[in-house]
Amino acid sequence: MNVFWGSILKYVFQIFAGIIGQMTPSIVAELQGLLTGLYKKALATPNPWDDFAVGMLLDILGIPRPPSE
């Protein structure tokens, strides 16, 4: 990845982390539960792009990935 895209992603992470920090805790918990469940479903599919896409959403929003079962 070149420096330009690295910088862009850095700012995207910062923006979304700031937005999540301002959200109501109950909404953040719901969002975390939704994306965590979606990530587990993505891992169960044979398509690796499912894992990548949902994992990237978790990373951007600063939500830890659940451990693989």
PDB file of N, CA and C in Angstrom:
ATOM      1  N   MET A   1       0.864  -1.174   0.000  1.00  0.00           N
ATOM      2  CA  MET A   1       0.000   0.000   0.000  1.00  0.00           C
ATOM      3  C   MET A   1       0.905   1.230   0.000  1.00  0.00           C
ATOM      4  N   ASN A   2       0.560   2.189  -0.824  1.00  0.00           N
ATOM      5  CA  ASN A   2       1.406   3.374  -0.862  1.00  0.00           C
ATOM      6  C   ASN A   2       1.050   4.346   0.264  1.00  0.00           C
ATOM      7  N   VAL A   3       1.869   5.366   0.395  1.00  0.00           N
ATOM      8  CA  VAL A   3       1.722   6.328   1.493  1.00  0.00           C
ATOM      9  C   VAL A   3       0.390   7.066   1.416  1.00  0.00           C
ATOM     10  N   PHE A   4      -0.050   7.375   0.219  1.00  0.00           N
ATOM     11  CA  PHE A   4      -1.304   8.106   0.053  1.00  0.00           C
ATOM     12  C   PHE A   4      -2.474   7.329   0.664  1.00  0.00           C
ATOM     13  N   TRP A   5      -2.642   6.059   0.262  1.00  0.00           N
ATOM     14  CA  TRP A   5      -3.766   5.271   0.763  1.00  0.00           C
ATOM     15  C   TRP A   5      -3.617   4.969   2.241  1.00  0.00           C
ATOM     16  N   GLY A   6      -2.388   4.806   2.696  1.00  0.00           N
ATOM     17  CA  GLY A   6      -2.173   4.610   4.128  1.00  0.00           C
ATOM     18  C   GLY A   6      -2.655   5.806   4.928  1.00  0.00           C
ATOM     19  N   SER A   7      -2.383   7.007   4.421  1.00  0.00           N
ATOM     20  CA  SER A   7      -2.829   8.230   5.096  1.00  0.00           C
ATOM     21  C   SER A   7      -4.346   8.352   5.073  1.00  0.00           C
ATOM     22  N   ILE A   8      -4.942   8.036   3.944  1.00  0.00           N
ATOM     23  CA  ILE A   8      -6.401   8.107   3.825  1.00  0.00           C
ATOM     24  C   ILE A   8      -7.054   7.156   4.832  1.00  0.00           C
ATOM     25  N   LEU A   9      -6.563   5.926   4.894  1.00  0.00           N
ATOM     26  CA  LEU A   9      -7.142   4.959   5.834  1.00  0.00           C
ATOM     27  C   LEU A   9      -6.950   5.396   7.275  1.00  0.00           C
ATOM     28  N   LYS A  10      -5.835   5.987   7.568  1.00  0.00           N
ATOM     29  CA  LYS A  10      -5.575   6.481   8.925  1.00  0.00           C
ATOM     30  C   LYS A  10      -6.634   7.501   9.322  1.00  0.00           C
ATOM     31  N   TYR A  11      -6.940   8.425   8.422  1.00  0.00           N
ATOM     32  CA  TYR A  11      -7.946   9.437   8.722  1.00  0.00           C
ATOM     33  C   TYR A  11      -9.352   8.851   8.805  1.00  0.00           C
ATOM     34  N   VAL A  12      -9.655   7.870   7.961  1.00  0.00           N
ATOM     35  CA  VAL A  12     -10.963   7.212   8.023  1.00  0.00           C
ATOM     36  C   VAL A  12     -11.140   6.534   9.378  1.00  0.00           C
ATOM     37  N   PHE A  13     -10.112   5.831   9.852  1.00  0.00           N
ATOM     38  CA  PHE A  13     -10.172   5.188  11.163  1.00  0.00           C
ATOM     39  C   PHE A  13     -10.408   6.220  12.258  1.00  0.00           C
ATOM     40  N   GLN A  14      -9.713   7.330  12.203  1.00  0.00           N
ATOM     41  CA  GLN A  14      -9.852   8.371  13.227  1.00  0.00           C
ATOM     42  C   GLN A  14     -11.252   8.973  13.224  1.00  0.00           C
ATOM     43  N   ILE A  15     -11.793   9.211  12.052  1.00  0.00           N
ATOM     44  CA  ILE A  15     -13.135   9.798  11.948  1.00  0.00           C
ATOM     45  C   ILE A  15     -14.176   8.858  12.536  1.00  0.00           C
ATOM     46  N   PHE A  16     -14.130   7.585  12.135  1.00  0.00           N
ATOM     47  CA  PHE A  16     -15.119   6.640  12.632  1.00  0.00           C
ATOM     48  C   PHE A  16     -14.951   6.358  14.118  1.00  0.00           C
ATOM     49  N   ALA A  17     -13.725   6.343  14.598  1.00  0.00           N
ATOM     50  CA  ALA A  17     -13.505   6.154  16.036  1.00  0.00           C
ATOM     51  C   ALA A  17     -14.126   7.319  16.807  1.00  0.00           C
ATOM     52  N   GLY A  18     -14.003   8.523  16.277  1.00  0.00           N
ATOM     53  CA  GLY A  18     -14.614   9.690  16.913  1.00  0.00           C
ATOM     54  C   GLY A  18     -16.128   9.620  16.918  1.00  0.00           C
ATOM     55  N   ILE A  19     -16.695   9.152  15.819  1.00  0.00           N
ATOM     56  CA  ILE A  19     -18.154   9.036  15.732  1.00  0.00           C
ATOM     57  C   ILE A  19     -18.653   7.986  16.721  1.00  0.00           C
ATOM     58  N   ILE A  20     -18.003   6.844  16.762  1.00  0.00           N
ATOM     59  CA  ILE A  20     -18.400   5.781  17.686  1.00  0.00           C
ATOM     60  C   ILE A  20     -18.307   6.270  19.125  1.00  0.00           C
ATOM     61  N   GLY A  21     -17.288   7.065  19.424  1.00  0.00           N
ATOM     62  CA  GLY A  21     -17.109   7.587  20.774  1.00  0.00           C
ATOM     63  C   GLY A  21     -18.224   8.514  21.218  1.00  0.00           C
ATOM     64  N   GLN A  22     -18.964   9.088  20.284  1.00  0.00           N
ATOM     65  CA  GLN A  22     -20.055  10.005  20.607  1.00  0.00           C
ATOM     66  C   GLN A  22     -21.427   9.332  20.625  1.00  0.00           C
ATOM     67  N   MET A  23     -21.476   8.085  20.214  1.00  0.00           N
ATOM     68  CA  MET A  23     -22.758   7.388  20.146  1.00  0.00           C
ATOM     69  C   MET A  23     -23.203   6.920  21.531  1.00  0.00           C
ATOM     70  N   THR A  24     -24.501   6.743  21.688  1.00  0.00           N
ATOM     71  CA  THR A  24     -25.080   6.232  22.923  1.00  0.00           C
ATOM     72  C   THR A  24     -24.578   4.807  23.150  1.00  0.00           C
ATOM     73  N   PRO A  25     -24.171   4.485  24.389  1.00  0.00           N
ATOM     74  CA  PRO A  25     -23.621   3.146  24.658  1.00  0.00           C
ATOM     75  C   PRO A  25     -24.530   1.988  24.245  1.00  0.00           C
ATOM     76  N   SER A  26     -25.828   2.142  24.394  1.00  0.00           N
ATOM     77  CA  SER A  26     -26.724   1.037  24.012  1.00  0.00           C
ATOM     78  C   SER A  26     -26.711   0.818  22.497  1.00  0.00           C
ATOM     79  N   ILE A  27     -26.582   1.897  21.733  1.00  0.00           N
ATOM     80  CA  ILE A  27     -26.521   1.776  20.272  1.00  0.00           C
ATOM     81  C   ILE A  27     -25.191   1.157  19.862  1.00  0.00           C
ATOM     82  N   VAL A  28     -24.108   1.552  20.527  1.00  0.00           N
ATOM     83  CA  VAL A  28     -22.794   0.964  20.240  1.00  0.00           C
ATOM     84  C   VAL A  28     -22.815  -0.537  20.531  1.00  0.00           C
ATOM     85  N   ALA A  29     -23.450  -0.930  21.631  1.00  0.00           N
ATOM     86  CA  ALA A  29     -23.541  -2.346  21.980  1.00  0.00           C
ATOM     87  C   ALA A  29     -24.339  -3.116  20.921  1.00  0.00           C
ATOM     88  N   GLU A  30     -25.432  -2.527  20.443  1.00  0.00           N
ATOM     89  CA  GLU A  30     -26.234  -3.163  19.393  1.00  0.00           C
ATOM     90  C   GLU A  30     -25.432  -3.303  18.108  1.00  0.00           C
ATOM     91  N   LEU A  31     -24.701  -2.249  17.741  1.00  0.00           N
ATOM     92  CA  LEU A  31     -23.881  -2.285  16.531  1.00  0.00           C
ATOM     93  C   LEU A  31     -22.787  -3.340  16.657  1.00  0.00           C
ATOM     94  N   GLN A  32     -22.170  -3.411  17.829  1.00  0.00           N
ATOM     95  CA  GLN A  32     -21.129  -4.407  18.059  1.00  0.00           C
ATOM     96  C   GLN A  32     -21.703  -5.819  17.957  1.00  0.00           C
ATOM     97  N   GLY A  33     -22.865  -6.038  18.553  1.00  0.00           N
ATOM     98  CA  GLY A  33     -23.502  -7.350  18.471  1.00  0.00           C
ATOM     99  C   GLY A  33     -23.874  -7.723  17.045  1.00  0.00           C
ATOM    100  N   LEU A  34     -24.393  -6.753  16.304  1.00  0.00           N
ATOM    101  CA  LEU A  34     -24.783  -6.996  14.917  1.00  0.00           C
ATOM    102  C   LEU A  34     -23.576  -7.380  14.073  1.00  0.00           C
ATOM    103  N   LEU A  35     -22.509  -6.585  14.157  1.00  0.00           N
ATOM    104  CA  LEU A  35     -21.334  -6.848  13.334  1.00  0.00           C
ATOM    105  C   LEU A  35     -20.573  -8.089  13.787  1.00  0.00           C
ATOM    106  N   THR A  36     -20.567  -8.356  15.081  1.00  0.00           N
ATOM    107  CA  THR A  36     -19.910  -9.567  15.573  1.00  0.00           C
ATOM    108  C   THR A  36     -20.642 -10.801  15.057  1.00  0.00           C
ATOM    109  N   GLY A  37     -21.966 -10.788  15.106  1.00  0.00           N
ATOM    110  CA  GLY A  37     -22.753 -11.897  14.569  1.00  0.00           C
ATOM    111  C   GLY A  37     -22.564 -12.058  13.072  1.00  0.00           C
ATOM    112  N   LEU A  38     -22.506 -10.941  12.374  1.00  0.00           N
ATOM    113  CA  LEU A  38     -22.296 -10.985  10.929  1.00  0.00           C
ATOM    114  C   LEU A  38     -20.919 -11.548  10.598  1.00  0.00           C
ATOM    115  N   TYR A  39     -19.917 -11.202  11.399  1.00  0.00           N
ATOM    116  CA  TYR A  39     -18.564 -11.710  11.172  1.00  0.00           C
ATOM    117  C   TYR A  39     -18.524 -13.228  11.374  1.00  0.00           C
ATOM    118  N   LYS A  40     -19.202 -13.722  12.395  1.00  0.00           N
ATOM    119  CA  LYS A  40     -19.248 -15.169  12.628  1.00  0.00           C
ATOM    120  C   LYS A  40     -19.930 -15.884  11.463  1.00  0.00           C
ATOM    121  N   LYS A  41     -20.984 -15.278  10.916  1.00  0.00           N
ATOM    122  CA  LYS A  41     -21.654 -15.861   9.750  1.00  0.00           C
ATOM    123  C   LYS A  41     -20.743 -15.823   8.526  1.00  0.00           C
ATOM    124  N   ALA A  42     -19.978 -14.732   8.385  1.00  0.00           N
ATOM    125  CA  ALA A  42     -19.057 -14.620   7.253  1.00  0.00           C
ATOM    126  C   ALA A  42     -17.976 -15.692   7.318  1.00  0.00           C
ATOM    127  N   LEU A  43     -17.488 -15.978   8.525  1.00  0.00           N
ATOM    128  CA  LEU A  43     -16.472 -17.017   8.676  1.00  0.00           C
ATOM    129  C   LEU A  43     -17.011 -18.390   8.294  1.00  0.00           C
ATOM    130  N   ALA A  44     -18.312 -18.587   8.450  1.00  0.00           N
ATOM    131  CA  ALA A  44     -18.920 -19.877   8.148  1.00  0.00           C
ATOM    132  C   ALA A  44     -19.154 -20.091   6.654  1.00  0.00           C
ATOM    133  N   THR A  45     -19.024 -19.045   5.846  1.00  0.00           N
ATOM    134  CA  THR A  45     -19.211 -19.194   4.403  1.00  0.00           C
ATOM    135  C   THR A  45     -17.879 -19.590   3.754  1.00  0.00           C
ATOM    136  N   PRO A  46     -17.933 -20.192   2.580  1.00  0.00           N
ATOM    137  CA  PRO A  46     -16.690 -20.548   1.886  1.00  0.00           C
ATOM    138  C   PRO A  46     -16.018 -19.356   1.186  1.00  0.00           C
ATOM    139  N   ASN A  47     -16.679 -18.217   1.155  1.00  0.00           N
ATOM    140  CA  ASN A  47     -16.156 -17.054   0.446  1.00  0.00           C
ATOM    141  C   ASN A  47     -15.255 -16.217   1.358  1.00  0.00           C
ATOM    142  N   PRO A  48     -13.948 -16.138   1.077  1.00  0.00           N
ATOM    143  CA  PRO A  48     -13.053 -15.358   1.933  1.00  0.00           C
ATOM    144  C   PRO A  48     -13.310 -13.855   1.871  1.00  0.00           C
ATOM    145  N   TRP A  49     -13.963 -13.388   0.822  1.00  0.00           N
ATOM    146  CA  TRP A  49     -14.256 -11.960   0.722  1.00  0.00           C
ATOM    147  C   TRP A  49     -15.294 -11.530   1.749  1.00  0.00           C
ATOM    148  N   ASP A  50     -16.158 -12.444   2.147  1.00  0.00           N
ATOM    149  CA  ASP A  50     -17.113 -12.147   3.226  1.00  0.00           C
ATOM    150  C   ASP A  50     -16.348 -11.815   4.503  1.00  0.00           C
ATOM    151  N   ASP A  51     -15.371 -12.665   4.819  1.00  0.00           N
ATOM    152  CA  ASP A  51     -14.555 -12.462   6.023  1.00  0.00           C
ATOM    153  C   ASP A  51     -13.830 -11.121   5.959  1.00  0.00           C
ATOM    154  N   PHE A  52     -13.262 -10.845   4.791  1.00  0.00           N
ATOM    155  CA  PHE A  52     -12.496  -9.614   4.611  1.00  0.00           C
ATOM    156  C   PHE A  52     -13.370  -8.379   4.773  1.00  0.00           C
ATOM    157  N   ALA A  53     -14.526  -8.371   4.106  1.00  0.00           N
ATOM    158  CA  ALA A  53     -15.390  -7.189   4.110  1.00  0.00           C
ATOM    159  C   ALA A  53     -15.925  -6.886   5.507  1.00  0.00           C
ATOM    160  N   VAL A  54     -16.443  -7.895   6.185  1.00  0.00           N
ATOM    161  CA  VAL A  54     -17.004  -7.665   7.511  1.00  0.00           C
ATOM    162  C   VAL A  54     -15.882  -7.376   8.511  1.00  0.00           C
ATOM    163  N   GLY A  55     -14.744  -8.055   8.361  1.00  0.00           N
ATOM    164  CA  GLY A  55     -13.593  -7.777   9.222  1.00  0.00           C
ATOM    165  C   GLY A  55     -13.114  -6.348   9.072  1.00  0.00           C
ATOM    166  N   MET A  56     -13.140  -5.834   7.843  1.00  0.00           N
ATOM    167  CA  MET A  56     -12.725  -4.454   7.610  1.00  0.00           C
ATOM    168  C   MET A  56     -13.696  -3.480   8.290  1.00  0.00           C
ATOM    169  N   LEU A  57     -14.982  -3.762   8.234  1.00  0.00           N
ATOM    170  CA  LEU A  57     -15.955  -2.921   8.935  1.00  0.00           C
ATOM    171  C   LEU A  57     -15.684  -2.902  10.436  1.00  0.00           C
ATOM    172  N   LEU A  58     -15.401  -4.081  10.994  1.00  0.00           N
ATOM    173  CA  LEU A  58     -15.084  -4.144  12.421  1.00  0.00           C
ATOM    174  C   LEU A  58     -13.840  -3.317  12.742  1.00  0.00           C
ATOM    175  N   ASP A  59     -12.818  -3.437  11.901  1.00  0.00           N
ATOM    176  CA  ASP A  59     -11.580  -2.693  12.128  1.00  0.00           C
ATOM    177  C   ASP A  59     -11.798  -1.183  12.023  1.00  0.00           C
ATOM    178  N   ILE A  60     -12.542  -0.762  11.020  1.00  0.00           N
ATOM    179  CA  ILE A  60     -12.793   0.668  10.824  1.00  0.00           C
ATOM    180  C   ILE A  60     -13.552   1.252  12.018  1.00  0.00           C
ATOM    181  N   LEU A  61     -14.503   0.485  12.537  1.00  0.00           N
ATOM    182  CA  LEU A  61     -15.305   0.969  13.652  1.00  0.00           C
ATOM    183  C   LEU A  61     -14.656   0.706  15.005  1.00  0.00           C
ATOM    184  N   GLY A  62     -13.498   0.058  14.998  1.00  0.00           N
ATOM    185  CA  GLY A  62     -12.772  -0.173  16.249  1.00  0.00           C
ATOM    186  C   GLY A  62     -13.408  -1.231  17.134  1.00  0.00           C
ATOM    187  N   ILE A  63     -14.127  -2.149  16.523  1.00  0.00           N
ATOM    188  CA  ILE A  63     -14.768  -3.235  17.270  1.00  0.00           C
ATOM    189  C   ILE A  63     -13.863  -4.459  17.164  1.00  0.00           C
ATOM    190  N   PRO A  64     -13.495  -5.052  18.300  1.00  0.00           N
ATOM    191  CA  PRO A  64     -12.603  -6.215  18.237  1.00  0.00           C
ATOM    192  C   PRO A  64     -13.268  -7.406  17.539  1.00  0.00           C
ATOM    193  N   ARG A  65     -12.457  -8.116  16.763  1.00  0.00           N
ATOM    194  CA  ARG A  65     -12.963  -9.318  16.091  1.00  0.00           C
ATOM    195  C   ARG A  65     -13.124 -10.438  17.111  1.00  0.00           C
ATOM    196  N   PRO A  66     -14.236 -11.176  17.019  1.00  0.00           N
ATOM    197  CA  PRO A  66     -14.404 -12.313  17.944  1.00  0.00           C
ATOM    198  C   PRO A  66     -13.418 -13.422  17.564  1.00  0.00           C
ATOM    199  N   PRO A  67     -13.015 -14.225  18.545  1.00  0.00           N
ATOM    200  CA  PRO A  67     -12.080 -15.312  18.230  1.00  0.00           C
ATOM    201  C   PRO A  67     -12.738 -16.356  17.334  1.00  0.00           C
ATOM    202  N   SER A  68     -11.939 -16.965  16.479  1.00  0.00           N
ATOM    203  CA  SER A  68     -12.448 -18.026  15.612  1.00  0.00           C
ATOM    204  C   SER A  68     -12.776 -19.256  16.437  1.00  0.00           C
ATOM    205  N   GLU A  69     -13.836 -19.929  16.065  1.00  0.00           N
ATOM    206  CA  GLU A  69     -14.252 -21.118  16.830  1.00  0.00           C
ATOM    207  C   GLU A  69     -13.747 -22.365  16.165  1.00  0.00           C
TER     208      GLU A  69
END
